[in-house]
C-alpha atoms as a PDB file:
ATOM      1  CA  MET A   1      10.719  11.120 -53.740  1.00  0.00           C
ATOM      2  CA  PHE A   2       8.198  13.423 -52.188  1.00  0.00           C
ATOM      3  CA  PRO A   3       9.288  14.635 -48.708  1.00  0.00           C
ATOM      4  CA  SER A   4       7.395  13.810 -45.537  1.00  0.00           C
ATOM      5  CA  ASN A   5       4.414  16.103 -44.999  1.00  0.00           C
ATOM      6  CA  SER A   6       3.444  14.974 -41.496  1.00  0.00           C
ATOM      7  CA  CYS A   7       4.739  18.110 -39.739  1.00  0.00           C
ATOM      8  CA  SER A   8       2.908  20.622 -41.933  1.00  0.00           C
ATOM      9  CA  ASN A   9      -0.239  18.485 -41.834  1.00  0.00           C
ATOM     10  CA  LEU A  10      -0.082  18.455 -38.036  1.00  0.00           C
ATOM     11  CA  VAL A  11       0.260  22.241 -37.929  1.00  0.00           C
ATOM     12  CA  MET A  12      -2.761  22.626 -40.197  1.00  0.00           C
ATOM     13  CA  ALA A  13      -4.853  20.135 -38.233  1.00  0.00           C
ATOM     14  CA  LEU A  14      -4.029  21.873 -34.945  1.00  0.00           C
ATOM     15  CA  SER A  15      -4.804  25.284 -36.458  1.00  0.00           C
ATOM     16  CA  ILE A  16      -8.211  24.152 -37.664  1.00  0.00           C
ATOM     17  CA  GLY A  17      -8.827  22.547 -34.264  1.00  0.00           C
ATOM     18  CA  VAL A  18      -8.063  25.816 -32.466  1.00  0.00           C
ATOM     19  CA  LEU A  19     -10.247  27.716 -34.943  1.00  0.00           C
ATOM     20  CA  THR A  20     -13.094  25.257 -34.298  1.00  0.00           C
ATOM     21  CA  ILE A  21     -12.847  25.896 -30.553  1.00  0.00           C
ATOM     22  CA  ILE A  22     -12.969  29.655 -31.199  1.00  0.00           C
ATOM     23  CA  MET A  23     -16.031  29.198 -33.429  1.00  0.00           C
ATOM     24  CA  ILE A  24     -17.871  27.079 -30.856  1.00  0.00           C
ATOM     25  CA  ALA A  25     -17.077  29.602 -28.115  1.00  0.00           C
ATOM     26  CA  GLY A  26     -18.394  32.375 -30.368  1.00  0.00           C
ATOM     27  CA  LEU A  27     -21.617  30.467 -31.013  1.00  0.00           C
ATOM     28  CA  LEU A  28     -22.180  29.961 -27.293  1.00  0.00           C
ATOM     29  CA  LEU A  29     -21.329  33.570 -26.481  1.00  0.00           C
ATOM     30  CA  THR A  30     -23.573  35.152 -29.125  1.00  0.00           C
ATOM     31  CA  GLY A  31     -26.433  32.656 -29.171  1.00  0.00           C
ATOM     32  CA  MET A  32     -26.076  32.048 -32.909  1.00  0.00           C
ATOM     33  CA  LYS A  33     -26.925  28.615 -34.273  1.00  0.00           C
ATOM     34  CA  ILE A  34     -26.019  26.712 -37.424  1.00  0.00           C
ATOM     35  CA  ASP A  35     -28.467  24.753 -39.574  1.00  0.00           C
ATOM     36  CA  LEU A  36     -26.555  21.478 -39.624  1.00  0.00           C
ATOM     37  CA  HIS A  37     -28.766  20.112 -42.403  1.00  0.00           C
ATOM     38  CA  SER A  38     -27.393  22.819 -44.711  1.00  0.00           C
ATOM     39  CA  LEU A  39     -23.894  21.397 -44.163  1.00  0.00           C
ATOM     40  CA  ARG A  40     -24.575  18.006 -45.712  1.00  0.00           C
ATOM     41  CA  TRP A  41     -23.046  18.719 -49.136  1.00  0.00           C
ATOM     42  CA  LEU A  42     -19.949  20.298 -47.637  1.00  0.00           C
ATOM     43  CA  GLY A  43     -19.674  17.344 -45.283  1.00  0.00           C
ATOM     44  CA  LEU A  44     -19.815  14.948 -48.231  1.00  0.00           C
ATOM     45  CA  LEU A  45     -17.147  16.995 -50.026  1.00  0.00           C
ATOM     46  CA  ILE A  46     -14.848  16.800 -46.993  1.00  0.00           C
ATOM     47  CA  CYS A  47     -15.390  13.034 -46.754  1.00  0.00           C
ATOM     48  CA  PHE A  48     -14.623  12.675 -50.463  1.00  0.00           C
ATOM     49  CA  GLN A  49     -11.431  14.703 -50.166  1.00  0.00           C
ATOM     50  CA  ALA A  50     -10.320  12.705 -47.119  1.00  0.00           C
ATOM     51  CA  GLY A  51     -11.012   9.457 -48.983  1.00  0.00           C
ATOM     52  CA  LEU A  52      -9.084  10.706 -52.002  1.00  0.00           C
ATOM     53  CA  ALA A  53      -6.081  11.606 -49.834  1.00  0.00           C
ATOM     54  CA  PHE A  54      -6.138   8.124 -48.279  1.00  0.00           C
ATOM     55  CA  TYR A  55      -6.426   6.497 -51.714  1.00  0.00           C
ATOM     56  CA  CYS A  56      -3.441   8.453 -53.025  1.00  0.00           C
ATOM     57  CA  HIS A  57      -1.464   7.447 -49.943  1.00  0.00           C
ATOM     58  CA  ALA A  58      -2.353   3.773 -50.431  1.00  0.00           C
ATOM     59  CA  ARG A  59      -1.496   3.884 -54.142  1.00  0.00           C
ATOM     60  CA  LYS A  60       1.798   5.726 -53.479  1.00  0.00           C
ATOM     61  CA  LEU A  61       0.857   8.858 -55.421  1.00  0.00           C
ATOM     62  CA  PRO A  62       2.549  11.440 -53.190  1.00  0.00           C
ATOM     63  CA  ARG A  63       2.037  14.432 -55.469  1.00  0.00           C
ATOM     64  CA  LEU A  64      -1.686  13.827 -55.816  1.00  0.00           C
ATOM     65  CA  ARG A  65      -1.889  13.020 -52.115  1.00  0.00           C
ATOM     66  CA  ALA A  66      -0.388  16.417 -51.323  1.00  0.00           C
ATOM     67  CA  VAL A  67      -2.954  18.116 -53.572  1.00  0.00           C
ATOM     68  CA  ALA A  68      -5.825  16.216 -51.946  1.00  0.00           C
ATOM     69  CA  GLU A  69      -4.586  17.018 -48.428  1.00  0.00           C
ATOM     70  CA  THR A  70      -4.147  20.702 -49.236  1.00  0.00           C
ATOM     71  CA  ASN A  71      -7.654  20.978 -50.686  1.00  0.00           C
ATOM     72  CA  LEU A  72      -9.042  19.036 -47.716  1.00  0.00           C
ATOM     73  CA  PHE A  73      -7.525  21.514 -45.269  1.00  0.00           C
ATOM     74  CA  PHE A  74      -8.807  24.466 -47.309  1.00  0.00           C
ATOM     75  CA  THR A  75     -12.374  23.123 -47.431  1.00  0.00           C
ATOM     76  CA  THR A  76     -12.395  22.230 -43.734  1.00  0.00           C
ATOM     77  CA  ALA A  77     -10.994  25.618 -42.761  1.00  0.00           C
ATOM     78  CA  THR A  78     -13.613  27.376 -44.904  1.00  0.00           C
ATOM     79  CA  VAL A  79     -16.456  25.486 -43.223  1.00  0.00           C
ATOM     80  CA  VAL A  80     -15.216  26.695 -39.829  1.00  0.00           C
ATOM     81  CA  LEU A  81     -14.334  30.220 -40.951  1.00  0.00           C
ATOM     82  CA  LEU A  82     -17.697  31.094 -42.496  1.00  0.00           C
ATOM     83  CA  PRO A  83     -19.644  30.907 -39.193  1.00  0.00           C
ATOM     84  CA  THR A  84     -16.822  32.870 -37.553  1.00  0.00           C
ATOM     85  CA  THR A  85     -17.381  35.749 -39.992  1.00  0.00           C
ATOM     86  CA  TYR A  86     -21.053  35.790 -38.986  1.00  0.00           C
ATOM     87  CA  ILE A  87     -20.242  35.634 -35.279  1.00  0.00           C
ATOM     88  CA  ALA A  88     -18.163  38.818 -35.600  1.00  0.00           C
ATOM     89  CA  LEU A  89     -21.300  40.825 -36.394  1.00  0.00           C
ATOM     90  CA  ARG A  90     -23.364  39.346 -33.588  1.00  0.00           C
ATOM     91  CA  PHE A  91     -21.682  41.603 -31.032  1.00  0.00           C
ATOM     92  CA  GLY A  92     -23.742  44.540 -32.319  1.00  0.00           C
ATOM     93  CA  MET A  93     -21.083  47.224 -32.107  1.00  0.00           C
ATOM     94  CA  PRO A  94     -21.990  50.690 -33.540  1.00  0.00           C
ATOM     95  CA  LEU A  95     -21.723  51.022 -37.304  1.00  0.00           C
ATOM     96  CA  ALA A  96     -18.410  52.438 -38.524  1.00  0.00           C
ATOM     97  CA  ASP A  97     -19.567  53.703 -41.947  1.00  0.00           C
ATOM     98  CA  ASP A  98     -19.282  57.396 -41.087  1.00  0.00           C
ATOM     99  CA  TRP A  99     -15.748  56.920 -39.806  1.00  0.00           C
ATOM    100  CA  LEU A 100     -14.741  55.043 -42.967  1.00  0.00           C
ATOM    101  CA  VAL A 101     -16.253  57.724 -45.218  1.00  0.00           C
ATOM    102  CA  GLU A 102     -14.145  60.274 -43.380  1.00  0.00           C
ATOM    103  CA  ALA A 103     -11.054  58.060 -43.707  1.00  0.00           C
ATOM    104  CA  ASP A 104     -11.528  57.867 -47.492  1.00  0.00           C
ATOM    105  CA  ALA A 105     -11.952  61.633 -47.651  1.00  0.00           C
ATOM    106  CA  ALA A 106      -8.847  62.172 -45.526  1.00  0.00           C
ATOM    107  CA  ILE A 107      -6.663  60.383 -48.078  1.00  0.00           C
ATOM    108  CA  GLY A 108      -8.325  62.246 -50.940  1.00  0.00           C
ATOM    109  CA  PHE A 109     -10.261  59.358 -52.461  1.00  0.00           C
ATOM    110  CA  ASP A 110     -13.559  60.226 -54.191  1.00  0.00           C
ATOM    111  CA  TRP A 111     -15.552  56.997 -54.037  1.00  0.00           C
ATOM    112  CA  VAL A 112     -18.503  58.275 -56.060  1.00  0.00           C
ATOM    113  CA  HIS A 113     -16.384  59.478 -58.992  1.00  0.00           C
ATOM    114  CA  PHE A 114     -14.373  56.250 -58.970  1.00  0.00           C
ATOM    115  CA  VAL A 115     -17.526  54.119 -59.258  1.00  0.00           C
ATOM    116  CA  GLN A 116     -18.922  56.396 -61.966  1.00  0.00           C
ATOM    117  CA  PHE A 117     -15.671  56.058 -63.905  1.00  0.00           C
ATOM    118  CA  ILE A 118     -15.896  52.239 -63.807  1.00  0.00           C
ATOM    119  CA  ASP A 119     -19.605  52.210 -64.568  1.00  0.00           C
ATOM    120  CA  SER A 120     -19.156  54.363 -67.674  1.00  0.00           C
ATOM    121  CA  ARG A 121     -16.823  51.754 -69.205  1.00  0.00           C
ATOM    122  CA  PRO A 122     -18.685  48.439 -69.697  1.00  0.00           C
ATOM    123  CA  TRP A 123     -15.550  46.528 -70.714  1.00  0.00           C
ATOM    124  CA  LEU A 124     -13.784  47.611 -67.527  1.00  0.00           C
ATOM    125  CA  ALA A 125     -16.775  46.819 -65.317  1.00  0.00           C
ATOM    126  CA  ALA A 126     -17.015  43.328 -66.847  1.00  0.00           C
ATOM    127  CA  THR A 127     -13.269  42.711 -66.459  1.00  0.00           C
ATOM    128  CA  LEU A 128     -13.344  43.670 -62.790  1.00  0.00           C
ATOM    129  CA  PHE A 129     -16.421  41.505 -62.240  1.00  0.00           C
ATOM    130  CA  TYR A 130     -14.662  38.370 -63.495  1.00  0.00           C
ATOM    131  CA  ALA A 131     -11.494  39.215 -61.591  1.00  0.00           C
ATOM    132  CA  TYR A 132     -13.551  39.465 -58.396  1.00  0.00           C
ATOM    133  CA  MET A 133     -15.108  36.068 -59.135  1.00  0.00           C
ATOM    134  CA  SER A 134     -11.666  34.431 -59.258  1.00  0.00           C
ATOM    135  CA  PHE A 135     -11.388  34.556 -55.441  1.00  0.00           C
ATOM    136  CA  HIS A 136     -12.240  30.928 -54.634  1.00  0.00           C
ATOM    137  CA  LEU A 137     -10.682  29.512 -57.792  1.00  0.00           C
ATOM    138  CA  GLN A 138      -7.309  31.029 -56.934  1.00  0.00           C
ATOM    139  CA  LEU A 139      -7.494  29.904 -53.316  1.00  0.00           C
ATOM    140  CA  LEU A 140      -8.123  26.337 -54.463  1.00  0.00           C
ATOM    141  CA  ALA A 141      -5.714  26.265 -57.394  1.00  0.00           C
ATOM    142  CA  LEU A 142      -2.592  27.975 -56.059  1.00  0.00           C
ATOM    143  CA  PRO A 143      -1.990  25.795 -52.970  1.00  0.00           C
ATOM    144  CA  ALA A 144      -2.754  22.682 -55.023  1.00  0.00           C
ATOM    145  CA  TYR A 145      -0.354  23.825 -57.748  1.00  0.00           C
ATOM    146  CA  PHE A 146       2.586  24.073 -55.369  1.00  0.00           C
ATOM    147  CA  ALA A 147       1.663  20.829 -53.633  1.00  0.00           C
ATOM    148  CA  LEU A 148       1.732  19.163 -57.054  1.00  0.00           C
ATOM    149  CA  PHE A 149       5.288  20.412 -57.588  1.00  0.00           C
ATOM    150  CA  SER A 150       6.611  18.980 -54.325  1.00  0.00           C
ATOM    151  CA  ARG A 151       6.194  22.298 -52.498  1.00  0.00           C
ATOM    152  CA  HIS A 152       3.753  20.885 -49.976  1.00  0.00           C
ATOM    153  CA  ALA A 153       4.841  23.236 -47.186  1.00  0.00           C
ATOM    154  CA  ARG A 154       4.301  26.251 -49.434  1.00  0.00           C
ATOM    155  CA  GLY A 155       0.811  25.051 -50.332  1.00  0.00           C
ATOM    156  CA  GLN A 156      -0.008  24.592 -46.667  1.00  0.00           C
ATOM    157  CA  ALA A 157       1.470  28.005 -45.854  1.00  0.00           C
ATOM    158  CA  ILE A 158      -0.944  29.612 -48.338  1.00  0.00           C
ATOM    159  CA  VAL A 159      -3.937  27.918 -46.699  1.00  0.00           C
ATOM    160  CA  PHE A 160      -2.636  28.782 -43.231  1.00  0.00           C
ATOM    161  CA  ALA A 161      -2.185  32.437 -44.195  1.00  0.00           C
ATOM    162  CA  TYR A 162      -5.754  32.484 -45.560  1.00  0.00           C
ATOM    163  CA  LEU A 163      -7.020  31.070 -42.268  1.00  0.00           C
ATOM    164  CA  LEU A 164      -5.164  33.786 -40.349  1.00  0.00           C
ATOM    165  CA  ILE A 165      -6.412  36.512 -42.702  1.00  0.00           C
ATOM    166  CA  VAL A 166     -10.063  35.621 -42.199  1.00  0.00           C
ATOM    167  CA  LEU A 167      -9.717  35.130 -38.443  1.00  0.00           C
ATOM    168  CA  THR A 168      -7.898  38.448 -38.035  1.00  0.00           C
ATOM    169  CA  SER A 169     -10.483  40.202 -40.204  1.00  0.00           C
ATOM    170  CA  CYS A 170     -13.261  38.740 -38.045  1.00  0.00           C
ATOM    171  CA  ILE A 171     -11.673  40.090 -34.872  1.00  0.00           C
ATOM    172  CA  ILE A 172     -11.238  43.562 -36.400  1.00  0.00           C
ATOM    173  CA  SER A 173     -14.762  43.536 -37.822  1.00  0.00           C
ATOM    174  CA  ILE A 174     -16.247  43.105 -34.365  1.00  0.00           C
ATOM    175  CA  TRP A 175     -15.318  46.750 -33.765  1.00  0.00           C
ATOM    176  CA  PHE A 176     -15.935  48.026 -37.295  1.00  0.00           C
ATOM    177  CA  PRO A 177     -19.218  46.618 -38.649  1.00  0.00           C
ATOM    178  CA  THR A 178     -20.304  48.494 -41.771  1.00  0.00           C
ATOM    179  CA  GLN A 179     -23.182  48.416 -44.209  1.00  0.00           C
ATOM    180  CA  GLY A 180     -20.773  49.248 -47.010  1.00  0.00           C
ATOM    181  CA  ALA A 181     -19.881  52.150 -49.241  1.00  0.00           C
ATOM    182  CA  TYR A 182     -22.941  51.884 -51.486  1.00  0.00           C
ATOM    183  CA  VAL A 183     -25.263  52.397 -48.540  1.00  0.00           C
ATOM    184  CA  ALA A 184     -23.055  55.060 -46.923  1.00  0.00           C
ATOM    185  CA  HIS A 185     -22.946  57.108 -50.152  1.00  0.00           C
ATOM    186  CA  GLY A 186     -26.623  56.592 -50.946  1.00  0.00           C
ATOM    187  CA  ALA A 187     -25.874  54.827 -54.228  1.00  0.00           C
ATOM    188  CA  LYS A 188     -28.700  52.799 -55.767  1.00  0.00           C
ATOM    189  CA  ASP A 189     -28.480  49.727 -57.967  1.00  0.00           C
ATOM    190  CA  ALA A 190     -30.828  51.316 -60.505  1.00  0.00           C
ATOM    191  CA  SER A 191     -28.447  54.236 -61.021  1.00  0.00           C
ATOM    192  CA  LEU A 192     -25.736  51.972 -62.452  1.00  0.00           C
ATOM    193  CA  GLN A 193     -25.546  50.781 -66.027  1.00  0.00           C
ATOM    194  CA  SER A 194     -22.512  48.479 -66.248  1.00  0.00           C
ATOM    195  CA  ILE A 195     -21.491  47.421 -62.750  1.00  0.00           C
ATOM    196  CA  ASP A 196     -23.102  44.234 -61.488  1.00  0.00           C
ATOM    197  CA  THR A 197     -23.797  45.038 -57.833  1.00  0.00           C
ATOM    198  CA  ILE A 198     -24.838  41.568 -56.735  1.00  0.00           C
ATOM    199  CA  TRP A 199     -22.176  41.630 -53.994  1.00  0.00           C
ATOM    200  CA  ALA A 200     -22.857  45.244 -53.052  1.00  0.00           C
ATOM    201  CA  PHE A 201     -26.396  44.676 -51.765  1.00  0.00           C
ATOM    202  CA  SER A 202     -27.059  40.925 -51.441  1.00  0.00           C
ATOM    203  CA  TYR A 203     -25.387  40.620 -48.028  1.00  0.00           C
ATOM    204  CA  LEU A 204     -27.399  43.414 -46.398  1.00  0.00           C
ATOM    205  CA  HIS A 205     -30.319  41.190 -45.404  1.00  0.00           C
ATOM    206  CA  GLU A 206     -28.012  38.752 -43.624  1.00  0.00           C
ATOM    207  CA  PHE A 207     -26.103  41.684 -42.129  1.00  0.00           C
ATOM    208  CA  GLU A 208     -29.245  43.178 -40.579  1.00  0.00           C
ATOM    209  CA  GLN A 209     -30.579  39.819 -39.407  1.00  0.00           C
ATOM    210  CA  LEU A 210     -27.289  39.013 -37.711  1.00  0.00           C
ATOM    211  CA  ARG A 211     -27.378  42.243 -35.746  1.00  0.00           C
ATOM    212  CA  SER A 212     -31.061  42.216 -34.815  1.00  0.00           C
ATOM    213  CA  THR A 213     -32.372  38.621 -34.607  1.00  0.00           C
ATOM    214  CA  PRO A 214     -32.006  36.731 -31.307  1.00  0.00           C
ATOM    215  CA  GLY A 215     -31.053  33.107 -31.900  1.00  0.00           C
ATOM    216  CA  PHE A 216     -30.094  33.745 -35.527  1.00  0.00           C
ATOM    217  CA  VAL A 217     -29.665  30.483 -37.469  1.00  0.00           C
ATOM    218  CA  MET A 218     -26.941  30.406 -40.111  1.00  0.00           C
ATOM    219  CA  ASP A 219     -27.846  28.515 -43.279  1.00  0.00           C
ATOM    220  CA  PHE A 220     -24.863  27.544 -45.433  1.00  0.00           C
ATOM    221  CA  ARG A 221     -27.116  27.515 -48.505  1.00  0.00           C
ATOM    222  CA  ARG A 222     -27.544  31.279 -48.347  1.00  0.00           C
ATOM    223  CA  VAL A 223     -24.259  32.327 -46.778  1.00  0.00           C
ATOM    224  CA  GLU A 224     -22.970  35.790 -47.731  1.00  0.00           C
ATOM    225  CA  GLY A 225     -19.706  37.640 -47.314  1.00  0.00           C
ATOM    226  CA  VAL A 226     -20.668  39.987 -44.490  1.00  0.00           C
ATOM    227  CA  LEU A 227     -17.264  41.411 -43.547  1.00  0.00           C
ATOM    228  CA  THR A 228     -16.304  44.734 -45.104  1.00  0.00           C
ATOM    229  CA  PHE A 229     -13.522  46.200 -42.951  1.00  0.00           C
ATOM    230  CA  PRO A 230     -10.907  45.041 -43.615  1.00  0.00           C
ATOM    231  CA  SER A 231     -11.492  43.689 -47.113  1.00  0.00           C
ATOM    232  CA  VAL A 232     -10.862  39.945 -47.190  1.00  0.00           C
ATOM    233  CA  HIS A 233     -10.829  40.056 -50.999  1.00  0.00           C
ATOM    234  CA  ALA A 234      -8.033  42.638 -50.969  1.00  0.00           C
ATOM    235  CA  ALA A 235      -6.103  40.580 -48.418  1.00  0.00           C
ATOM    236  CA  VAL A 236      -6.495  37.450 -50.527  1.00  0.00           C
ATOM    237  CA  ALA A 237      -5.404  39.395 -53.619  1.00  0.00           C
ATOM    238  CA  LEU A 238      -2.071  40.159 -51.939  1.00  0.00           C
ATOM    239  CA  LEU A 239      -1.847  36.595 -50.632  1.00  0.00           C
ATOM    240  CA  CYS A 240      -2.327  35.186 -54.140  1.00  0.00           C
ATOM    241  CA  VAL A 241       0.332  37.501 -55.574  1.00  0.00           C
ATOM    242  CA  TRP A 242       2.765  36.303 -52.900  1.00  0.00           C
ATOM    243  CA  ALA A 243       1.781  32.684 -53.564  1.00  0.00           C
ATOM    244  CA  ALA A 244       2.204  33.040 -57.333  1.00  0.00           C
ATOM    245  CA  SER A 245       5.622  34.652 -56.874  1.00  0.00           C
ATOM    246  CA  GLY A 246       6.824  31.094 -56.422  1.00  0.00           C
ATOM    247  CA  SER A 247       6.063  30.365 -60.088  1.00  0.00           C
ATOM    248  CA  ARG A 248       7.715  32.020 -63.053  1.00  0.00           C
ATOM    249  CA  TYR A 249       4.669  31.217 -65.170  1.00  0.00           C
ATOM    250  CA  LEU A 250       1.920  32.381 -62.796  1.00  0.00           C
ATOM    251  CA  PHE A 251       3.344  35.515 -61.198  1.00  0.00           C
ATOM    252  CA  VAL A 252       2.592  38.125 -63.881  1.00  0.00           C
ATOM    253  CA  PRO A 253      -0.981  36.865 -64.558  1.00  0.00           C
ATOM    254  CA  ALA A 254      -1.577  36.785 -60.791  1.00  0.00           C
ATOM    255  CA  VAL A 255      -0.447  40.408 -60.392  1.00  0.00           C
ATOM    256  CA  VAL A 256      -2.837  41.521 -63.136  1.00  0.00           C
ATOM    257  CA  VAL A 257      -5.829  39.489 -61.940  1.00  0.00           C
ATOM    258  CA  ASN A 258      -5.410  40.377 -58.283  1.00  0.00           C
ATOM    259  CA  ALA A 259      -4.847  44.067 -58.900  1.00  0.00           C
ATOM    260  CA  ALA A 260      -8.178  43.973 -60.739  1.00  0.00           C
ATOM    261  CA  MET A 261      -9.773  42.035 -57.859  1.00  0.00           C
ATOM    262  CA  ALA A 262      -8.661  44.688 -55.369  1.00  0.00           C
ATOM    263  CA  PHE A 263     -10.151  47.458 -57.549  1.00  0.00           C
ATOM    264  CA  ALA A 264     -13.336  45.426 -57.983  1.00  0.00           C
ATOM    265  CA  ALA A 265     -13.752  45.192 -54.217  1.00  0.00           C
ATOM    266  CA  VAL A 266     -14.402  48.952 -54.268  1.00  0.00           C
ATOM    267  CA  SER A 267     -16.527  49.232 -57.388  1.00  0.00           C
ATOM    268  CA  HIS A 268     -18.430  45.946 -57.237  1.00  0.00           C
ATOM    269  CA  ALA A 269     -18.520  44.933 -53.570  1.00  0.00           C
ATOM    270  CA  SER A 270     -19.278  48.126 -51.669  1.00  0.00           C
ATOM    271  CA  HIS A 271     -15.871  48.499 -50.024  1.00  0.00           C
ATOM    272  CA  PHE A 272     -14.333  51.781 -48.979  1.00  0.00           C
ATOM    273  CA  VAL A 273     -10.819  52.261 -50.287  1.00  0.00           C
ATOM    274  CA  ILE A 274      -9.549  52.273 -46.707  1.00  0.00           C
ATOM    275  CA  ASP A 275     -10.886  48.703 -46.483  1.00  0.00           C
ATOM    276  CA  ILE A 276      -8.455  47.732 -49.245  1.00  0.00           C
ATOM    277  CA  PHE A 277      -5.422  49.201 -47.490  1.00  0.00           C
ATOM    278  CA  ALA A 278      -6.491  47.521 -44.251  1.00  0.00           C
ATOM    279  CA  GLY A 279      -6.831  44.210 -46.103  1.00  0.00           C
ATOM    280  CA  PHE A 280      -3.336  44.567 -47.577  1.00  0.00           C
ATOM    281  CA  THR A 281      -1.929  45.240 -44.108  1.00  0.00           C
ATOM    282  CA  VAL A 282      -3.641  42.204 -42.596  1.00  0.00           C
ATOM    283  CA  ALA A 283      -2.397  40.025 -45.460  1.00  0.00           C
ATOM    284  CA  ALA A 284       1.194  41.229 -45.132  1.00  0.00           C
ATOM    285  CA  VAL A 285       1.268  40.401 -41.421  1.00  0.00           C
ATOM    286  CA  CYS A 286      -0.395  36.999 -41.904  1.00  0.00           C
ATOM    287  CA  ILE A 287       1.975  36.045 -44.733  1.00  0.00           C
ATOM    288  CA  CYS A 288       4.949  36.841 -42.479  1.00  0.00           C
ATOM    289  CA  VAL A 289       3.487  34.675 -39.721  1.00  0.00           C
ATOM    290  CA  ALA A 290       2.834  31.832 -42.182  1.00  0.00           C
ATOM    291  CA  LYS A 291       6.439  31.972 -43.386  1.00  0.00           C
ATOM    292  CA  LEU A 292       7.626  31.675 -39.788  1.00  0.00           C
ATOM    293  CA  VAL A 293       5.308  28.753 -39.045  1.00  0.00           C
ATOM    294  CA  PHE A 294       6.269  26.971 -42.280  1.00  0.00           C
ATOM    295  CA  PRO A 295      10.009  27.708 -42.607  1.00  0.00           C
ATOM    296  CA  GLY A 296      10.347  24.780 -45.013  1.00  0.00           C
ATOM    297  CA  CYS A 297       8.295  26.461 -47.727  1.00  0.00           C
ATOM    298  CA  ARG A 298      10.861  27.012 -50.466  1.00  0.00           C
ATOM    299  CA  PRO A 299      10.309  30.387 -52.087  1.00  0.00           C
ATOM    300  CA  ALA A 300      10.072  29.499 -55.733  1.00  0.00           C
ATOM    301  CA  LEU A 301       9.834  26.931 -58.459  1.00  0.00           C
ATOM    302  CA  SER A 302      12.321  27.161 -61.285  1.00  0.00           C
ATOM    303  CA  ARG A 303      11.335  27.041 -64.920  1.00  0.00           C
ATOM    304  CA  MET A 304      13.039  23.660 -64.985  1.00  0.00           C
ATOM    305  CA  ASP A 305      10.779  22.348 -62.185  1.00  0.00           C
ATOM    306  CA  GLU A 306       7.656  23.247 -64.113  1.00  0.00           C
ATOM    307  CA  ALA A 307       9.026  22.370 -67.536  1.00  0.00           C
ATOM    308  CA  GLU A 308      10.255  18.949 -66.436  1.00  0.00           C
ATOM    309  CA  PHE A 309       6.929  18.090 -64.865  1.00  0.00           C
ATOM    310  CA  MET A 310       4.996  19.085 -67.970  1.00  0.00           C
ATOM    311  CA  SER A 311       7.375  17.154 -70.195  1.00  0.00           C
ATOM    312  CA  GLY A 312       6.688  14.101 -68.041  1.00  0.00           C
ATOM    313  CA  ILE A 313       2.971  14.556 -68.675  1.00  0.00           C
ATOM    314  CA  ARG A 314       3.504  14.981 -72.425  1.00  0.00           C
ATOM    315  CA  ARG A 315       5.864  12.036 -72.825  1.00  0.00           C
ATOM    316  CA  ARG A 316       4.665   9.258 -75.110  1.00  0.00           C
ATOM    317  CA  ARG A 317       2.541  11.573 -77.248  1.00  0.00           C
ATOM    318  CA  GLY A 318       1.205  13.516 -74.322  1.00  0.00           C
ATOM    319  CA  PHE A 319      -0.659  11.235 -71.979  1.00  0.00           C
ATOM    320  CA  GLY A 320       0.914   7.780 -71.975  1.00  0.00           C
ATOM    321  CA  LYS A 321       0.033   5.743 -68.900  1.00  0.00           C
ATOM    322  CA  ALA A 322       3.630   5.219 -67.783  1.00  0.00           C
ATOM    323  CA  ALA A 323       4.533   8.852 -68.274  1.00  0.00           C
ATOM    324  CA  THR A 324       1.508  10.085 -66.372  1.00  0.00           C
ATOM    325  CA  SER A 325       2.198   7.715 -63.511  1.00  0.00           C
ATOM    326  CA  ALA A 326       5.815   8.813 -63.319  1.00  0.00           C
ATOM    327  CA  ALA A 327       4.865  12.475 -63.306  1.00  0.00           C
ATOM    328  CA  PHE A 328       2.686  12.055 -60.241  1.00  0.00           C
ATOM    329  CA  THR A 329       4.858   9.636 -58.264  1.00  0.00           C
ATOM    330  CA  GLU A 330       8.343  11.117 -58.659  1.00  0.00           C
END
């Protein structure tokens, strides 16, 4: 039977509680407000996920309950983390773009030539675009996948590491606010043929408003990713590779997709390359902390784990009622 998940759930609940206190303190300190009306759909989603977790508990579906709980913690953490990313820029520290340009130059990276190389190859620009878009899908799917295979602690560890990554990035970004590499290098959207720069420029309005508007009101309907140093996308790319290393089926695809996502953060999302290395460093530290906090997260699934589960789903011509029930309750 599925092992007890109360300990890991308690750790996650306490972590989100602490993060909520930090967010509220940040709101009070910076004078930022949140449009609560814009939270209604996310609030309904959280209520639905909580209800689903309770239903699975009542119906004795421990695997599906673990998936529902993991997704519930991820959604709740995201709702608290997004305002925290905005709060980081409210402190109005001097822009760090010049320093980051110099850091790229010091390691011999030519940002302009790199972007031109990607832009001159439409197939490559499109591939990186879709890899970059996989961010939220991977963060939802990977923890749920391991929860489904009785690796509830590993699923929670992934969400916990993500929480730490974003919080750590927020703290660092207080001291290193940047407008991004596209602005720093004077690149214009019109000068590009293949790269979709929707993420390279769309956040700039929110970025400027955060730094200049007293009593700024955050609207979840127009929220943007405003952190650039370190790169949260690069950190999550490394996190997802570590997470997928627990599956023999997912690891190689995850390496390919997340390598592309890290490259896309530079070409498509206005990151300096030093942002990527900083993101990797933050992720490595946060993964180590998550492994210490969740020592019960077994490192890997075996092919037999995955194969046996899928055979249970396929039994009785693929989707027999008894087989499906057994697959989710064993």
